Amino acid sequence: MTKESLEQEIQALNAQLTGDMFKDMDIKDQIHNLTMKLNGVKPMDSSFECVGCGS
């Protein structure tokens, strides 16, 4: 995925947020995972993507 496609997907997911924490939980998790991919972030001391934080 390119940087632009990740940003577009994050924007599309943000547009789906309702303000209800329970309904938005899955969407926010997807946004978090995409943002981590976009920024090249992974948990410290972890060789696995997102396994260390449980996302």
N, C-alpha and C. Protein backbone atom coordinates (compact mmCIF):
# COMPACT_ATOMS: atom_id res chain seq x y z
N MET A 1 0.84 -1.18 0.00
CA MET A 1 0.00 0.00 0.00
C MET A 1 0.89 1.25 0.00
N THR A 2 0.47 2.22 -0.75
CA THR A 2 1.22 3.46 -0.79
C THR A 2 0.77 4.38 0.35
N LYS A 3 1.59 5.38 0.60
CA LYS A 3 1.26 6.34 1.65
C LYS A 3 -0.08 7.01 1.37
N GLU A 4 -0.31 7.36 0.11
CA GLU A 4 -1.55 8.03 -0.26
C GLU A 4 -2.77 7.13 -0.04
N SER A 5 -2.64 5.86 -0.40
CA SER A 5 -3.77 4.95 -0.23
C SER A 5 -4.06 4.71 1.26
N LEU A 6 -3.02 4.65 2.09
CA LEU A 6 -3.23 4.50 3.53
C LEU A 6 -3.94 5.73 4.10
N GLU A 7 -3.50 6.92 3.67
CA GLU A 7 -4.13 8.15 4.15
C GLU A 7 -5.59 8.23 3.72
N GLN A 8 -5.89 7.81 2.50
CA GLN A 8 -7.26 7.82 2.00
C GLN A 8 -8.13 6.85 2.79
N GLU A 9 -7.60 5.69 3.08
CA GLU A 9 -8.36 4.70 3.84
C GLU A 9 -8.63 5.20 5.27
N ILE A 10 -7.63 5.86 5.87
CA ILE A 10 -7.81 6.43 7.22
C ILE A 10 -8.89 7.50 7.19
N GLN A 11 -8.88 8.36 6.16
CA GLN A 11 -9.90 9.40 6.04
C GLN A 11 -11.29 8.79 5.87
N ALA A 12 -11.39 7.74 5.07
CA ALA A 12 -12.68 7.07 4.86
C ALA A 12 -13.19 6.47 6.16
N LEU A 13 -12.30 5.88 6.94
CA LEU A 13 -12.70 5.30 8.22
C LEU A 13 -13.10 6.38 9.22
N ASN A 14 -12.37 7.50 9.23
CA ASN A 14 -12.73 8.61 10.12
C ASN A 14 -14.12 9.14 9.80
N ALA A 15 -14.50 9.12 8.54
CA ALA A 15 -15.82 9.60 8.13
C ALA A 15 -16.93 8.67 8.64
N GLN A 16 -16.59 7.44 8.96
CA GLN A 16 -17.58 6.46 9.44
C GLN A 16 -17.81 6.52 10.94
N LEU A 17 -16.98 7.27 11.66
CA LEU A 17 -17.11 7.33 13.12
C LEU A 17 -18.42 7.98 13.51
N THR A 18 -19.09 7.40 14.54
CA THR A 18 -20.40 7.88 14.96
C THR A 18 -20.36 8.70 16.25
N GLY A 19 -19.29 8.56 17.02
CA GLY A 19 -19.23 9.21 18.32
C GLY A 19 -19.60 8.26 19.45
N ASP A 20 -20.14 7.10 19.12
CA ASP A 20 -20.48 6.08 20.10
C ASP A 20 -19.26 5.17 20.28
N MET A 21 -18.67 5.21 21.45
CA MET A 21 -17.43 4.49 21.71
C MET A 21 -17.53 3.01 21.35
N PHE A 22 -18.64 2.38 21.69
CA PHE A 22 -18.76 0.95 21.46
C PHE A 22 -18.92 0.62 19.98
N LYS A 23 -19.66 1.45 19.26
CA LYS A 23 -19.84 1.22 17.82
C LYS A 23 -18.55 1.54 17.05
N ASP A 24 -17.78 2.50 17.55
CA ASP A 24 -16.58 2.96 16.86
C ASP A 24 -15.33 2.14 17.19
N MET A 25 -15.42 1.22 18.13
CA MET A 25 -14.25 0.49 18.61
C MET A 25 -13.50 -0.22 17.48
N ASP A 26 -14.20 -0.93 16.62
CA ASP A 26 -13.54 -1.66 15.53
C ASP A 26 -12.93 -0.71 14.51
N ILE A 27 -13.65 0.37 14.21
CA ILE A 27 -13.14 1.35 13.25
C ILE A 27 -11.89 2.02 13.79
N LYS A 28 -11.91 2.39 15.07
CA LYS A 28 -10.73 3.02 15.67
C LYS A 28 -9.54 2.07 15.69
N ASP A 29 -9.80 0.78 15.87
CA ASP A 29 -8.72 -0.21 15.84
C ASP A 29 -8.10 -0.28 14.44
N GLN A 30 -8.95 -0.25 13.42
CA GLN A 30 -8.45 -0.25 12.04
C GLN A 30 -7.64 1.01 11.75
N ILE A 31 -8.14 2.16 12.23
CA ILE A 31 -7.42 3.42 12.04
C ILE A 31 -6.06 3.36 12.72
N HIS A 32 -6.03 2.82 13.94
CA HIS A 32 -4.78 2.68 14.69
C HIS A 32 -3.78 1.81 13.93
N ASN A 33 -4.23 0.69 13.41
CA ASN A 33 -3.34 -0.21 12.68
C ASN A 33 -2.81 0.43 11.41
N LEU A 34 -3.67 1.14 10.68
CA LEU A 34 -3.24 1.80 9.45
C LEU A 34 -2.27 2.95 9.76
N THR A 35 -2.52 3.67 10.84
CA THR A 35 -1.63 4.77 11.23
C THR A 35 -0.25 4.23 11.60
N MET A 36 -0.23 3.09 12.29
CA MET A 36 1.06 2.48 12.64
C MET A 36 1.80 2.06 11.37
N LYS A 37 1.09 1.50 10.39
CA LYS A 37 1.73 1.14 9.12
C LYS A 37 2.25 2.38 8.41
N LEU A 38 1.43 3.43 8.40
CA LEU A 38 1.79 4.67 7.72
C LEU A 38 3.05 5.28 8.31
N ASN A 39 3.17 5.23 9.64
CA ASN A 39 4.30 5.84 10.33
C ASN A 39 5.46 4.88 10.53
N GLY A 40 5.29 3.62 10.15
CA GLY A 40 6.35 2.64 10.31
C GLY A 40 6.65 2.32 11.77
N VAL A 41 5.61 2.35 12.59
CA VAL A 41 5.77 2.14 14.03
C VAL A 41 5.42 0.70 14.38
N LYS A 42 6.19 0.15 15.28
CA LYS A 42 5.85 -1.14 15.86
C LYS A 42 6.26 -1.11 17.32
N PRO A 43 5.70 -1.96 18.15
CA PRO A 43 6.03 -1.95 19.57
C PRO A 43 7.52 -2.16 19.81
N MET A 44 8.04 -1.49 20.84
CA MET A 44 9.45 -1.65 21.18
C MET A 44 9.74 -3.10 21.56
N ASP A 45 10.95 -3.53 21.30
CA ASP A 45 11.39 -4.90 21.63
C ASP A 45 10.52 -5.97 20.99
N SER A 46 9.92 -5.66 19.85
CA SER A 46 9.08 -6.64 19.18
C SER A 46 9.50 -6.77 17.73
N SER A 47 9.70 -7.99 17.30
CA SER A 47 10.03 -8.21 15.91
C SER A 47 8.78 -8.40 15.07
N PHE A 48 7.61 -8.45 15.74
CA PHE A 48 6.34 -8.66 15.07
C PHE A 48 5.58 -7.36 14.97
N GLU A 49 4.84 -7.17 13.88
CA GLU A 49 3.99 -6.00 13.72
C GLU A 49 2.77 -6.12 14.63
N CYS A 50 2.60 -5.21 15.53
CA CYS A 50 1.41 -5.05 16.37
C CYS A 50 1.12 -6.22 17.31
N VAL A 51 1.91 -7.25 17.34
CA VAL A 51 1.65 -8.36 18.25
C VAL A 51 1.94 -7.93 19.68
N GLY A 52 2.97 -7.12 19.87
CA GLY A 52 3.36 -6.70 21.22
C GLY A 52 2.29 -5.91 21.94
N CYS A 53 1.51 -5.09 21.20
CA CYS A 53 0.49 -4.28 21.87
C CYS A 53 -0.89 -4.91 21.76
N GLY A 54 -1.03 -6.02 21.07
CA GLY A 54 -2.31 -6.71 20.97
C GLY A 54 -3.25 -6.15 19.91
N SER A 55 -2.78 -5.20 19.13
CA SER A 55 -3.64 -4.63 18.08
C SER A 55 -3.66 -5.51 16.86
